[in-house]
Amino acid sequence: DNAKNTAYLQMNSLKPEDTAVYYCN
């Protein structure tokens, strides 16, 4: 959302292998 200067990551159907530290770039 460029008006809000924000990026998003919607994560569905999460699995144990998705476990991690998530970083924005």
PDB file of all heavy atoms in Angstrom:
ATOM      1  N   ASP A   1       0.877  -1.166   0.000  1.00  0.00           N
ATOM      2  CA  ASP A   1       0.000   0.000   0.000  1.00  0.00           C
ATOM      3  C   ASP A   1       0.914   1.216   0.000  1.00  0.00           C
ATOM      4  O   ASP A   1       1.442   1.605   1.041  1.00  0.00           O
ATOM      5  CB  ASP A   1      -0.921  -0.025   1.225  1.00  0.00           C
ATOM      6  CG  ASP A   1      -1.936   1.097   1.211  1.00  0.00           C
ATOM      7  OD1 ASP A   1      -1.704   2.128   0.541  1.00  0.00           O
ATOM      8  OD2 ASP A   1      -2.959   0.951   1.888  1.00  0.00           O
ATOM      9  N   ASN A   2       1.118   1.788  -1.174  1.00  0.00           N
ATOM     10  CA  ASN A   2       2.070   2.892  -1.297  1.00  0.00           C
ATOM     11  C   ASN A   2       1.606   4.130  -0.526  1.00  0.00           C
ATOM     12  O   ASN A   2       2.426   4.922  -0.071  1.00  0.00           O
ATOM     13  CB  ASN A   2       2.309   3.229  -2.759  1.00  0.00           C
ATOM     14  CG  ASN A   2       3.080   2.133  -3.485  1.00  0.00           C
ATOM     15  OD1 ASN A   2       3.842   1.386  -2.874  1.00  0.00           O
ATOM     16  ND2 ASN A   2       2.875   2.031  -4.782  1.00  0.00           N
ATOM     17  N   ALA A   3       0.306   4.283  -0.377  1.00  0.00           N
ATOM     18  CA  ALA A   3      -0.208   5.434   0.380  1.00  0.00           C
ATOM     19  C   ALA A   3       0.132   5.325   1.859  1.00  0.00           C
ATOM     20  O   ALA A   3       0.257   6.338   2.552  1.00  0.00           O
ATOM     21  CB  ALA A   3      -1.717   5.547   0.198  1.00  0.00           C
ATOM     22  N   LYS A   4       0.279   4.086   2.339  1.00  0.00           N
ATOM     23  CA  LYS A   4       0.591   3.859   3.753  1.00  0.00           C
ATOM     24  C   LYS A   4       2.062   3.504   3.966  1.00  0.00           C
ATOM     25  O   LYS A   4       2.470   3.207   5.100  1.00  0.00           O
ATOM     26  CB  LYS A   4      -0.289   2.750   4.314  1.00  0.00           C
ATOM     27  CG  LYS A   4      -1.771   3.095   4.347  1.00  0.00           C
ATOM     28  CD  LYS A   4      -2.580   1.979   4.985  1.00  0.00           C
ATOM     29  CE  LYS A   4      -4.049   2.348   5.076  1.00  0.00           C
ATOM     30  NZ  LYS A   4      -4.862   1.269   5.693  1.00  0.00           N
ATOM     31  N   ASN A   5       2.842   3.481   2.893  1.00  0.00           N
ATOM     32  CA  ASN A   5       4.268   3.111   2.993  1.00  0.00           C
ATOM     33  C   ASN A   5       4.445   1.760   3.693  1.00  0.00           C
ATOM     34  O   ASN A   5       5.332   1.598   4.539  1.00  0.00           O
ATOM     35  CB  ASN A   5       5.074   4.176   3.740  1.00  0.00           C
ATOM     36  CG  ASN A   5       5.268   5.429   2.921  1.00  0.00           C
ATOM     37  OD1 ASN A   5       4.846   5.504   1.766  1.00  0.00           O
ATOM     38  ND2 ASN A   5       5.905   6.425   3.515  1.00  0.00           N
ATOM     39  N   THR A   6       3.612   0.817   3.323  1.00  0.00           N
ATOM     40  CA  THR A   6       3.607  -0.475   4.013  1.00  0.00           C
ATOM     41  C   THR A   6       3.517  -1.622   3.006  1.00  0.00           C
ATOM     42  O   THR A   6       2.769  -1.537   2.028  1.00  0.00           O
ATOM     43  CB  THR A   6       2.435  -0.568   4.998  1.00  0.00           C
ATOM     44  OG1 THR A   6       2.528   0.510   5.935  1.00  0.00           O
ATOM     45  CG2 THR A   6       2.470  -1.877   5.773  1.00  0.00           C
ATOM     46  N   ALA A   7       4.296  -2.661   3.277  1.00  0.00           N
ATOM     47  CA  ALA A   7       4.208  -3.910   2.529  1.00  0.00           C
ATOM     48  C   ALA A   7       3.674  -5.001   3.455  1.00  0.00           C
ATOM     49  O   ALA A   7       3.856  -4.927   4.677  1.00  0.00           O
ATOM     50  CB  ALA A   7       5.573  -4.305   1.980  1.00  0.00           C
ATOM     51  N   TYR A   8       3.027  -5.987   2.870  1.00  0.00           N
ATOM     52  CA  TYR A   8       2.390  -7.049   3.642  1.00  0.00           C
ATOM     53  C   TYR A   8       2.766  -8.419   3.082  1.00  0.00           C
ATOM     54  O   TYR A   8       3.098  -8.561   1.914  1.00  0.00           O
ATOM     55  CB  TYR A   8       0.863  -6.909   3.585  1.00  0.00           C
ATOM     56  CG  TYR A   8       0.342  -5.579   4.024  1.00  0.00           C
ATOM     57  CD1 TYR A   8       0.060  -4.579   3.110  1.00  0.00           C
ATOM     58  CD2 TYR A   8       0.130  -5.311   5.378  1.00  0.00           C
ATOM     59  CE1 TYR A   8      -0.415  -3.343   3.505  1.00  0.00           C
ATOM     60  CE2 TYR A   8      -0.356  -4.074   5.790  1.00  0.00           C
ATOM     61  CZ  TYR A   8      -0.626  -3.102   4.847  1.00  0.00           C
ATOM     62  OH  TYR A   8      -1.102  -1.888   5.256  1.00  0.00           O
ATOM     63  N   LEU A   9       2.688  -9.410   3.964  1.00  0.00           N
ATOM     64  CA  LEU A   9       2.804 -10.797   3.530  1.00  0.00           C
ATOM     65  C   LEU A   9       1.692 -11.571   4.226  1.00  0.00           C
ATOM     66  O   LEU A   9       1.756 -11.789   5.432  1.00  0.00           O
ATOM     67  CB  LEU A   9       4.166 -11.390   3.860  1.00  0.00           C
ATOM     68  CG  LEU A   9       4.396 -12.799   3.326  1.00  0.00           C
ATOM     69  CD1 LEU A   9       4.478 -12.787   1.798  1.00  0.00           C
ATOM     70  CD2 LEU A   9       5.671 -13.419   3.912  1.00  0.00           C
ATOM     71  N   GLN A  10       0.676 -11.942   3.463  1.00  0.00           N
ATOM     72  CA  GLN A  10      -0.398 -12.767   3.985  1.00  0.00           C
ATOM     73  C   GLN A  10       0.007 -14.221   3.827  1.00  0.00           C
ATOM     74  O   GLN A  10       0.293 -14.674   2.719  1.00  0.00           O
ATOM     75  CB  GLN A  10      -1.700 -12.500   3.219  1.00  0.00           C
ATOM     76  CG  GLN A  10      -2.861 -13.369   3.650  1.00  0.00           C
ATOM     77  CD  GLN A  10      -3.323 -13.079   5.070  1.00  0.00           C
ATOM     78  OE1 GLN A  10      -3.431 -11.920   5.463  1.00  0.00           O
ATOM     79  NE2 GLN A  10      -3.584 -14.124   5.841  1.00  0.00           N
ATOM     80  N   MET A  11       0.038 -14.943   4.932  1.00  0.00           N
ATOM     81  CA  MET A  11       0.485 -16.329   4.932  1.00  0.00           C
ATOM     82  C   MET A  11      -0.658 -17.226   5.385  1.00  0.00           C
ATOM     83  O   MET A  11      -1.127 -17.112   6.519  1.00  0.00           O
ATOM     84  CB  MET A  11       1.693 -16.502   5.859  1.00  0.00           C
ATOM     85  CG  MET A  11       2.836 -15.553   5.545  1.00  0.00           C
ATOM     86  SD  MET A  11       4.306 -15.870   6.540  1.00  0.00           S
ATOM     87  CE  MET A  11       3.704 -15.420   8.157  1.00  0.00           C
ATOM     88  N   ASN A  12      -1.114 -18.086   4.487  1.00  0.00           N
ATOM     89  CA  ASN A  12      -2.190 -19.031   4.780  1.00  0.00           C
ATOM     90  C   ASN A  12      -1.664 -20.459   4.722  1.00  0.00           C
ATOM     91  O   ASN A  12      -0.588 -20.716   4.172  1.00  0.00           O
ATOM     92  CB  ASN A  12      -3.323 -18.849   3.772  1.00  0.00           C
ATOM     93  CG  ASN A  12      -3.939 -17.474   3.816  1.00  0.00           C
ATOM     94  OD1 ASN A  12      -4.002 -16.830   4.866  1.00  0.00           O
ATOM     95  ND2 ASN A  12      -4.408 -17.003   2.674  1.00  0.00           N
ATOM     96  N   SER A  13      -2.434 -21.379   5.257  1.00  0.00           N
ATOM     97  CA  SER A  13      -2.074 -22.803   5.235  1.00  0.00           C
ATOM     98  C   SER A  13      -0.633 -23.014   5.699  1.00  0.00           C
ATOM     99  O   SER A  13       0.150 -23.729   5.063  1.00  0.00           O
ATOM    100  CB  SER A  13      -2.271 -23.377   3.817  1.00  0.00           C
ATOM    101  OG  SER A  13      -3.596 -23.204   3.383  1.00  0.00           O
ATOM    102  N   LEU A  14      -0.303 -22.400   6.805  1.00  0.00           N
ATOM    103  CA  LEU A  14       1.076 -22.452   7.296  1.00  0.00           C
ATOM    104  C   LEU A  14       1.474 -23.868   7.694  1.00  0.00           C
ATOM    105  O   LEU A  14       0.660 -24.647   8.196  1.00  0.00           O
ATOM    106  CB  LEU A  14       1.248 -21.496   8.462  1.00  0.00           C
ATOM    107  CG  LEU A  14       1.377 -20.026   8.050  1.00  0.00           C
ATOM    108  CD1 LEU A  14       1.077 -19.094   9.209  1.00  0.00           C
ATOM    109  CD2 LEU A  14       2.780 -19.757   7.500  1.00  0.00           C
ATOM    110  N   LYS A  15       2.761 -24.155   7.447  1.00  0.00           N
ATOM    111  CA  LYS A  15       3.325 -25.466   7.739  1.00  0.00           C
ATOM    112  C   LYS A  15       4.481 -25.309   8.730  1.00  0.00           C
ATOM    113  O   LYS A  15       5.092 -24.237   8.802  1.00  0.00           O
ATOM    114  CB  LYS A  15       3.868 -26.094   6.448  1.00  0.00           C
ATOM    115  CG  LYS A  15       2.846 -26.213   5.327  1.00  0.00           C
ATOM    116  CD  LYS A  15       3.502 -26.742   4.059  1.00  0.00           C
ATOM    117  CE  LYS A  15       2.504 -26.851   2.923  1.00  0.00           C
ATOM    118  NZ  LYS A  15       3.138 -27.366   1.679  1.00  0.00           N
ATOM    119  N   PRO A  16       4.822 -26.349   9.465  1.00  0.00           N
ATOM    120  CA  PRO A  16       5.967 -26.252  10.389  1.00  0.00           C
ATOM    121  C   PRO A  16       7.248 -25.795   9.686  1.00  0.00           C
ATOM    122  O   PRO A  16       8.047 -25.068  10.292  1.00  0.00           O
ATOM    123  CB  PRO A  16       6.097 -27.680  10.924  1.00  0.00           C
ATOM    124  CG  PRO A  16       4.703 -28.214  10.877  1.00  0.00           C
ATOM    125  CD  PRO A  16       4.106 -27.630   9.622  1.00  0.00           C
ATOM    126  N   GLU A  17       7.430 -26.178   8.443  1.00  0.00           N
ATOM    127  CA  GLU A  17       8.634 -25.770   7.721  1.00  0.00           C
ATOM    128  C   GLU A  17       8.658 -24.288   7.339  1.00  0.00           C
ATOM    129  O   GLU A  17       9.665 -23.799   6.829  1.00  0.00           O
ATOM    130  CB  GLU A  17       8.840 -26.626   6.459  1.00  0.00           C
ATOM    131  CG  GLU A  17       7.633 -26.714   5.546  1.00  0.00           C
ATOM    132  CD  GLU A  17       6.804 -27.969   5.803  1.00  0.00           C
ATOM    133  OE1 GLU A  17       6.574 -28.317   6.994  1.00  0.00           O
ATOM    134  OE2 GLU A  17       6.373 -28.587   4.798  1.00  0.00           O
ATOM    135  N   ASP A  18       7.568 -23.572   7.597  1.00  0.00           N
ATOM    136  CA  ASP A  18       7.556 -22.118   7.399  1.00  0.00           C
ATOM    137  C   ASP A  18       8.138 -21.389   8.616  1.00  0.00           C
ATOM    138  O   ASP A  18       8.307 -20.159   8.570  1.00  0.00           O
ATOM    139  CB  ASP A  18       6.134 -21.619   7.160  1.00  0.00           C
ATOM    140  CG  ASP A  18       5.537 -22.134   5.858  1.00  0.00           C
ATOM    141  OD1 ASP A  18       6.263 -22.162   4.842  1.00  0.00           O
ATOM    142  OD2 ASP A  18       4.349 -22.516   5.871  1.00  0.00           O
ATOM    143  N   THR A  19       8.432 -22.121   9.673  1.00  0.00           N
ATOM    144  CA  THR A  19       9.003 -21.522  10.870  1.00  0.00           C
ATOM    145  C   THR A  19      10.349 -20.881  10.559  1.00  0.00           C
ATOM    146  O   THR A  19      11.248 -21.526  10.003  1.00  0.00           O
ATOM    147  CB  THR A  19       9.183 -22.577  11.970  1.00  0.00           C
ATOM    148  OG1 THR A  19       7.892 -23.056  12.369  1.00  0.00           O
ATOM    149  CG2 THR A  19       9.909 -21.991  13.175  1.00  0.00           C
ATOM    150  N   ALA A  20      10.479 -19.589  10.883  1.00  0.00           N
ATOM    151  CA  ALA A  20      11.690 -18.836  10.572  1.00  0.00           C
ATOM    152  C   ALA A  20      11.544 -17.414  11.105  1.00  0.00           C
ATOM    153  O   ALA A  20      10.449 -17.001  11.506  1.00  0.00           O
ATOM    154  CB  ALA A  20      11.926 -18.779   9.063  1.00  0.00           C
ATOM    155  N   VAL A  21      12.636 -16.681  11.060  1.00  0.00           N
ATOM    156  CA  VAL A  21      12.577 -15.232  11.233  1.00  0.00           C
ATOM    157  C   VAL A  21      12.344 -14.632   9.851  1.00  0.00           C
ATOM    158  O   VAL A  21      13.086 -14.951   8.908  1.00  0.00           O
ATOM    159  CB  VAL A  21      13.858 -14.673  11.855  1.00  0.00           C
ATOM    160  CG1 VAL A  21      13.767 -13.148  11.966  1.00  0.00           C
ATOM    161  CG2 VAL A  21      14.110 -15.291  13.229  1.00  0.00           C
ATOM    162  N   TYR A  22      11.329 -13.818   9.742  1.00  0.00           N
ATOM    163  CA  TYR A  22      10.977 -13.196   8.466  1.00  0.00           C
ATOM    164  C   TYR A  22      11.476 -11.746   8.450  1.00  0.00           C
ATOM    165  O   TYR A  22      11.223 -10.988   9.387  1.00  0.00           O
ATOM    166  CB  TYR A  22       9.466 -13.249   8.256  1.00  0.00           C
ATOM    167  CG  TYR A  22       8.995 -14.618   7.842  1.00  0.00           C
ATOM    168  CD1 TYR A  22       9.003 -15.677   8.749  1.00  0.00           C
ATOM    169  CD2 TYR A  22       8.562 -14.878   6.542  1.00  0.00           C
ATOM    170  CE1 TYR A  22       8.601 -16.950   8.367  1.00  0.00           C
ATOM    171  CE2 TYR A  22       8.145 -16.146   6.149  1.00  0.00           C
ATOM    172  CZ  TYR A  22       8.174 -17.176   7.070  1.00  0.00           C
ATOM    173  OH  TYR A  22       7.767 -18.436   6.691  1.00  0.00           O
ATOM    174  N   TYR A  23      12.153 -11.403   7.360  1.00  0.00           N
ATOM    175  CA  TYR A  23      12.739 -10.080   7.205  1.00  0.00           C
ATOM    176  C   TYR A  23      12.135  -9.348   6.010  1.00  0.00           C
ATOM    177  O   TYR A  23      11.935  -9.940   4.941  1.00  0.00           O
ATOM    178  CB  TYR A  23      14.248 -10.183   6.975  1.00  0.00           C
ATOM    179  CG  TYR A  23      15.031 -10.787   8.107  1.00  0.00           C
ATOM    180  CD1 TYR A  23      15.253 -12.157   8.179  1.00  0.00           C
ATOM    181  CD2 TYR A  23      15.549  -9.978   9.113  1.00  0.00           C
ATOM    182  CE1 TYR A  23      15.975 -12.714   9.216  1.00  0.00           C
ATOM    183  CE2 TYR A  23      16.279 -10.535  10.165  1.00  0.00           C
ATOM    184  CZ  TYR A  23      16.478 -11.887  10.206  1.00  0.00           C
ATOM    185  OH  TYR A  23      17.196 -12.432  11.248  1.00  0.00           O
ATOM    186  N   CYS A  24      11.891  -8.074   6.202  1.00  0.00           N
ATOM    187  CA  CYS A  24      11.438  -7.208   5.127  1.00  0.00           C
ATOM    188  C   CYS A  24      12.661  -6.570   4.470  1.00  0.00           C
ATOM    189  O   CYS A  24      13.637  -6.226   5.152  1.00  0.00           O
ATOM    190  CB  CYS A  24      10.522  -6.133   5.711  1.00  0.00           C
ATOM    191  SG  CYS A  24       9.892  -4.940   4.528  1.00  0.00           S
ATOM    192  N   ASN A  25      12.587  -6.383   3.162  1.00  0.00           N
ATOM    193  CA  ASN A  25      13.694  -5.802   2.406  1.00  0.00           C
ATOM    194  C   ASN A  25      13.169  -4.774   1.428  1.00  0.00           C
ATOM    195  O   ASN A  25      12.131  -4.972   0.799  1.00  0.00           O
ATOM    196  CB  ASN A  25      14.436  -6.906   1.653  1.00  0.00           C
ATOM    197  CG  ASN A  25      15.485  -6.369   0.695  1.00  0.00           C
ATOM    198  OD1 ASN A  25      15.209  -6.166  -0.487  1.00  0.00           O
ATOM    199  ND2 ASN A  25      16.671  -6.147   1.202  1.00  0.00           N
TER     200      ASN A  25
END
